[in-house]
Amino acid sequence: MNTPKVSKVQQRLLYLHHRPNLLEEYSPLPSSFALSRTSALSAPRFSIRSMADSAFRKVQIQRDDTAFDAYVVGKEDAPGIVVLQEWWGVDFEIKNHAVKISQLGSGFKALIPDLYRGKVGLDVAEAQHLMDGLDWQGAVKDIRASVNWLKANGSKKAGVTGFCMGGALSIASSVLVPEVDAVVAFYGVPSSELADPAQAKAPVQAHFGELDDFVGFSDVMAAKALEEKLKASGTPYEVHIYPGNAHAFMNRSPEGIKRRQGMGMADEDEAAVQLAWSRFESWMARFLSSSLL
């Protein structure tokens, strides 16, 4: 059997995946750090204001002895969904996703917590730096505070969704945040040190691209291992794998497509994206419906 080649960025991601508390251990990336896809670090830097920025209301949420900003969009009394960022931070793409979610079906109230406290990665190296420095247990506390904020501000039920890094945190929330009513995760699995999906308490739906090559984090083997863990949990679950799609296939804004292409991910499958959103809507509507109270 041929062992798949793992790039340095994948090795670093896997290291983070298995070491969720790295605030004191982080050291900046060396200047020689490079992706196996050589164009990735030379991809354009994005400092793009989301077309949806004006739709959001900025709030501040308190937890423990700290506070963080969050961005809210959607009907006040709608079911709530916490929307978790990719490694880039709270950028144009995650805001586009939140607006999309707020408009699905009868509507949801989407809330994006700023896990990076205002910082945004404008290229791969910066995004890597920010994710390296994330306090993952602290991020879980942010998620719990966000869920509770939604429930205290008009949402009878609240779910969590996320993409890449946020996908892993979404699944972790199904284990670690008892107030979560449903989870939909996109291409990310938490480390066993952070959370064991076999202990999930909230229903989990997960989406992965067949061509995703982040080994052990979001590739097909990771997806199948997650499925076995969720089966053991006894909670409702679905795991979907999309043929011909790579990592971050849900990012369909013009800027997001350009960024993915710059990282060597040229696949475009609008049908898969629409299918995933349809499954997302059905799952969240099923478990966040007020009739289930």
Protein backbone atom coordinates (compact mmCIF):
# COMPACT_ATOMS: atom_id res chain seq x y z
CA MET A 1 0.00 0.00 0.00
CA ASN A 2 1.35 3.43 -0.91
CA THR A 3 1.57 5.87 1.98
CA PRO A 4 0.08 9.26 0.99
CA LYS A 5 2.51 12.16 0.97
CA VAL A 6 1.79 14.73 3.63
CA SER A 7 2.82 18.33 3.05
CA LYS A 8 4.35 20.50 5.74
CA VAL A 9 1.14 22.48 6.17
CA GLN A 10 -0.79 19.22 6.59
CA GLN A 11 1.77 18.03 9.14
CA ARG A 12 1.35 21.30 11.02
CA LEU A 13 -2.45 21.02 10.91
CA LEU A 14 -2.26 17.46 12.19
CA TYR A 15 0.06 18.58 14.98
CA LEU A 16 -2.49 21.21 15.99
CA HIS A 17 -5.26 18.68 15.62
CA HIS A 18 -3.61 16.50 18.25
CA ARG A 19 -2.37 19.39 20.43
CA PRO A 20 -5.42 21.60 21.10
CA ASN A 21 -3.71 23.81 23.71
CA LEU A 22 -0.82 25.55 22.01
CA LEU A 23 -0.88 29.12 23.30
CA GLU A 24 2.33 28.72 25.29
CA GLU A 25 3.99 26.44 22.73
CA TYR A 26 3.47 28.47 19.58
CA SER A 27 6.48 29.70 17.66
CA PRO A 28 6.22 31.64 14.40
CA LEU A 29 6.44 29.74 11.14
CA PRO A 30 9.92 29.75 9.56
CA SER A 31 10.32 31.78 6.40
CA SER A 32 11.07 28.57 4.52
CA PHE A 33 7.66 27.11 5.39
CA ALA A 34 6.00 25.98 2.16
CA LEU A 35 3.02 24.03 0.92
CA SER A 36 3.26 21.06 -1.37
CA ARG A 37 1.06 23.16 -3.61
CA THR A 38 3.76 25.73 -4.32
CA SER A 39 1.31 28.42 -5.36
CA ALA A 40 -0.48 28.50 -2.02
CA LEU A 41 1.66 31.00 -0.14
CA SER A 42 1.76 33.24 -3.19
CA ALA A 43 -2.02 33.23 -3.42
CA PRO A 44 -3.54 36.72 -3.36
CA ARG A 45 -4.05 38.35 0.02
CA PHE A 46 -7.69 39.04 0.65
CA SER A 47 -8.90 42.09 2.48
CA ILE A 48 -12.43 42.07 1.14
CA ARG A 49 -15.45 43.57 2.79
CA SER A 50 -18.33 41.14 2.61
CA MET A 51 -21.31 42.33 0.60
CA ALA A 52 -23.33 41.18 3.60
CA ASP A 53 -21.53 43.28 6.24
CA SER A 54 -24.40 45.73 6.57
CA ALA A 55 -26.80 42.89 7.43
CA PHE A 56 -25.07 42.15 10.73
CA ARG A 57 -25.61 43.50 14.21
CA LYS A 58 -22.51 43.49 16.39
CA VAL A 59 -22.97 42.35 19.99
CA GLN A 60 -20.60 41.64 22.84
CA ILE A 61 -20.85 38.40 24.79
CA GLN A 62 -19.44 37.89 28.27
CA ARG A 63 -18.02 34.60 29.54
CA ASP A 64 -15.89 34.00 32.61
CA ASP A 65 -13.60 37.02 32.95
CA THR A 66 -13.48 37.94 29.28
CA ALA A 67 -15.76 39.26 26.55
CA PHE A 68 -15.78 38.82 22.78
CA ASP A 69 -17.53 40.34 19.79
CA ALA A 70 -20.11 38.42 17.79
CA TYR A 71 -22.06 39.20 14.63
CA VAL A 72 -25.77 38.43 14.39
CA VAL A 73 -28.09 38.20 11.39
CA GLY A 74 -31.63 36.86 11.01
CA LYS A 75 -35.05 37.03 12.63
CA GLU A 76 -35.03 37.75 16.36
CA ASP A 77 -37.25 34.83 17.40
CA ALA A 78 -35.92 32.27 14.91
CA PRO A 79 -33.99 29.14 15.95
CA GLY A 80 -30.38 30.08 16.58
CA ILE A 81 -27.26 28.76 14.88
CA VAL A 82 -23.71 29.56 15.97
CA VAL A 83 -21.54 29.79 12.82
CA LEU A 84 -17.85 29.02 13.37
CA GLN A 85 -15.06 30.40 11.22
CA GLU A 86 -12.43 28.68 9.13
CA TRP A 87 -8.78 29.25 10.02
CA TRP A 88 -8.93 32.62 8.23
CA GLY A 89 -11.04 34.24 10.96
CA VAL A 90 -14.26 36.23 10.67
CA ASP A 91 -13.84 37.13 7.01
CA PHE A 92 -16.08 37.65 3.98
CA GLU A 93 -16.72 33.93 3.44
CA ILE A 94 -17.96 33.05 6.91
CA LYS A 95 -20.21 36.12 6.83
CA ASN A 96 -21.60 35.00 3.47
CA HIS A 97 -22.32 31.57 5.00
CA ALA A 98 -24.09 33.15 7.98
CA VAL A 99 -26.32 35.27 5.74
CA LYS A 100 -27.14 32.20 3.64
CA ILE A 101 -28.05 30.24 6.78
CA SER A 102 -30.28 33.05 8.06
CA GLN A 103 -32.29 32.85 4.82
CA LEU A 104 -32.75 29.08 4.61
CA GLY A 105 -36.27 27.69 4.97
CA SER A 106 -38.35 29.65 7.45
CA GLY A 107 -35.22 31.45 8.61
CA PHE A 108 -32.59 31.06 11.29
CA LYS A 109 -30.82 33.53 13.57
CA ALA A 110 -27.10 33.15 12.82
CA LEU A 111 -24.37 34.29 15.21
CA ILE A 112 -20.63 34.35 14.41
CA PRO A 113 -18.41 34.52 17.51
CA ASP A 114 -15.04 36.14 16.85
CA LEU A 115 -12.73 33.40 18.10
CA TYR A 116 -9.62 35.34 17.01
CA ARG A 117 -10.65 38.54 18.79
CA GLY A 118 -10.60 40.75 15.70
CA LYS A 119 -7.68 39.22 13.81
CA VAL A 120 -8.07 37.91 10.25
CA GLY A 121 -5.56 35.96 8.20
CA LEU A 122 -5.02 37.47 4.77
CA ASP A 123 -2.91 34.61 3.45
CA VAL A 124 -2.11 31.00 4.34
CA ALA A 125 0.83 31.83 6.61
CA GLU A 126 -1.19 34.35 8.62
CA ALA A 127 -4.14 31.97 8.92
CA GLN A 128 -1.78 29.22 10.08
CA HIS A 129 -0.28 31.59 12.65
CA LEU A 130 -3.72 32.47 14.02
CA MET A 131 -4.90 28.88 14.26
CA ASP A 132 -1.62 27.89 15.92
CA GLY A 133 -2.36 30.41 18.66
CA LEU A 134 -5.99 29.43 19.25
CA ASP A 135 -6.91 28.29 22.74
CA TRP A 136 -9.24 25.46 21.70
CA GLN A 137 -10.74 24.94 25.14
CA GLY A 138 -11.33 28.68 25.32
CA ALA A 139 -13.03 28.53 21.92
CA VAL A 140 -15.39 25.85 23.25
CA LYS A 141 -16.26 28.22 26.11
CA ASP A 142 -16.95 30.95 23.52
CA ILE A 143 -19.28 28.55 21.70
CA ARG A 144 -21.17 27.72 24.88
CA ALA A 145 -21.55 31.40 25.72
CA SER A 146 -22.80 32.04 22.16
CA VAL A 147 -25.39 29.27 22.36
CA ASN A 148 -26.61 30.58 25.70
CA TRP A 149 -26.75 34.13 24.33
CA LEU A 150 -29.00 32.98 21.48
CA LYS A 151 -31.30 31.16 23.91
CA ALA A 152 -31.47 34.22 26.16
CA ASN A 153 -32.28 36.48 23.19
CA GLY A 154 -35.26 34.94 21.44
CA SER A 155 -34.12 31.53 20.16
CA LYS A 156 -35.86 28.59 21.87
CA LYS A 157 -33.28 26.19 20.45
CA ALA A 158 -29.75 26.63 19.12
CA GLY A 159 -27.41 24.61 16.94
CA VAL A 160 -23.77 24.94 15.93
CA THR A 161 -22.15 24.74 12.52
CA GLY A 162 -18.64 25.41 11.29
CA PHE A 163 -16.17 24.99 8.47
CA CYS A 164 -12.66 23.45 8.61
CA MET A 165 -11.35 24.54 12.02
CA GLY A 166 -14.91 25.54 12.85
CA GLY A 167 -16.17 22.14 11.72
CA ALA A 168 -13.89 20.42 14.22
CA LEU A 169 -15.07 22.78 16.95
CA SER A 170 -18.70 22.14 15.97
CA ILE A 171 -18.29 18.42 16.59
CA ALA A 172 -16.47 19.17 19.84
CA SER A 173 -19.45 21.25 20.93
CA SER A 174 -21.74 18.23 20.50
CA VAL A 175 -19.65 16.54 23.19
CA LEU A 176 -18.70 19.43 25.46
CA VAL A 177 -21.59 21.92 25.33
CA PRO A 178 -24.78 20.43 26.80
CA GLU A 179 -26.95 23.34 25.63
CA VAL A 180 -26.35 22.54 21.92
CA ASP A 181 -29.41 21.04 20.22
CA ALA A 182 -27.91 20.07 16.83
CA VAL A 183 -24.62 20.24 14.92
CA VAL A 184 -23.67 20.41 11.25
CA ALA A 185 -19.92 20.20 10.62
CA PHE A 186 -18.05 20.79 7.38
CA TYR A 187 -14.68 19.11 6.73
CA GLY A 188 -13.11 19.02 10.18
CA VAL A 189 -12.80 16.50 13.03
CA PRO A 190 -11.60 17.38 16.55
CA SER A 191 -8.55 15.80 18.13
CA SER A 192 -9.19 13.06 20.65
CA GLU A 193 -7.58 15.30 23.28
CA LEU A 194 -10.23 17.95 22.70
CA ALA A 195 -13.33 15.78 22.33
CA ASP A 196 -14.30 12.19 21.55
CA PRO A 197 -17.20 12.08 19.04
CA ALA A 198 -18.24 8.73 20.54
CA GLN A 199 -19.44 10.86 23.48
CA ALA A 200 -21.57 13.18 21.32
CA LYS A 201 -24.85 14.16 22.93
CA ALA A 202 -26.32 16.41 20.23
CA PRO A 203 -27.27 15.09 16.76
CA VAL A 204 -24.41 15.53 14.27
CA GLN A 205 -24.46 15.85 10.49
CA ALA A 206 -21.03 16.05 8.82
CA HIS A 207 -19.88 16.86 5.27
CA PHE A 208 -16.57 15.99 3.59
CA GLY A 209 -15.04 16.21 0.12
CA GLU A 210 -13.81 12.97 -1.41
CA LEU A 211 -10.60 14.65 -2.63
CA ASP A 212 -9.82 16.40 0.67
CA ASP A 213 -6.18 15.60 1.45
CA PHE A 214 -5.83 16.90 5.00
CA VAL A 215 -4.94 13.47 6.32
CA GLY A 216 -6.49 12.61 9.68
CA PHE A 217 -8.40 15.89 9.87
CA SER A 218 -10.86 15.99 6.97
CA ASP A 219 -9.90 13.31 4.44
CA VAL A 220 -12.13 10.33 3.65
CA MET A 221 -10.46 8.14 6.27
CA ALA A 222 -11.12 10.79 8.93
CA ALA A 223 -14.75 10.98 7.77
CA LYS A 224 -15.20 7.23 8.03
CA ALA A 225 -13.54 7.12 11.46
CA LEU A 226 -15.89 9.89 12.60
CA GLU A 227 -18.87 7.89 11.33
CA GLU A 228 -17.85 4.91 13.47
CA LYS A 229 -17.46 7.15 16.51
CA LEU A 230 -20.87 8.75 15.99
CA LYS A 231 -22.45 5.34 15.55
CA ALA A 232 -21.08 4.41 18.98
CA SER A 233 -22.50 7.59 20.53
CA GLY A 234 -26.10 6.51 20.02
CA THR A 235 -27.12 10.01 18.95
CA PRO A 236 -28.67 10.67 15.50
CA TYR A 237 -25.98 11.28 12.88
CA GLU A 238 -25.28 11.52 9.17
CA VAL A 239 -21.90 11.60 7.39
CA HIS A 240 -21.88 12.68 3.74
CA ILE A 241 -18.93 12.45 1.34
CA TYR A 242 -19.08 14.43 -1.92
CA PRO A 243 -17.35 12.80 -4.92
CA GLY A 244 -14.91 14.97 -6.85
CA ASN A 245 -14.80 17.70 -4.20
CA ALA A 246 -11.80 18.88 -2.19
CA HIS A 247 -11.45 20.79 1.07
CA ALA A 248 -13.56 23.94 1.58
CA PHE A 249 -15.84 23.09 -1.36
CA MET A 250 -18.67 25.15 0.18
CA ASN A 251 -16.78 28.41 -0.45
CA ARG A 252 -18.50 29.67 -3.59
CA SER A 253 -18.14 33.45 -3.50
CA PRO A 254 -16.00 34.85 -6.36
CA GLU A 255 -13.29 35.77 -3.85
CA GLY A 256 -13.51 32.38 -2.14
CA ILE A 257 -13.20 30.55 -5.45
CA LYS A 258 -10.16 32.62 -6.36
CA ARG A 259 -8.56 31.88 -2.99
CA ARG A 260 -9.21 28.14 -3.34
CA GLN A 261 -7.75 28.15 -6.84
CA GLY A 262 -4.67 29.90 -5.50
CA MET A 263 -4.29 26.99 -3.06
CA GLY A 264 -4.56 24.40 -5.82
CA MET A 265 -8.24 23.52 -5.27
CA ALA A 266 -9.82 24.11 -8.64
CA ASP A 267 -12.90 21.90 -8.28
CA GLU A 268 -16.25 23.61 -8.77
CA ASP A 269 -19.42 21.64 -8.06
CA GLU A 270 -22.44 23.85 -7.52
CA ALA A 271 -24.74 20.81 -7.37
CA ALA A 272 -22.80 19.40 -4.40
CA VAL A 273 -22.95 22.75 -2.62
CA GLN A 274 -26.71 23.00 -3.10
CA LEU A 275 -27.18 19.41 -1.93
CA ALA A 276 -25.14 20.11 1.20
CA TRP A 277 -27.17 23.23 1.99
CA SER A 278 -30.40 21.25 1.48
CA ARG A 279 -29.21 18.60 3.91
CA PHE A 280 -28.10 21.31 6.35
CA GLU A 281 -31.53 22.97 6.25
CA SER A 282 -33.38 19.68 6.77
CA TRP A 283 -31.17 18.69 9.70
CA MET A 284 -31.38 21.98 11.53
CA ALA A 285 -35.13 22.31 10.90
CA ARG A 286 -35.65 18.78 12.22
CA PHE A 287 -33.81 19.30 15.50
CA LEU A 288 -34.32 23.01 16.14
CA SER A 289 -38.07 23.05 15.56
CA SER A 290 -39.95 24.53 18.50
CA SER A 291 -42.45 21.65 18.16
CA LEU A 292 -39.76 19.39 19.65
CA LEU A 293 -39.68 21.34 22.91
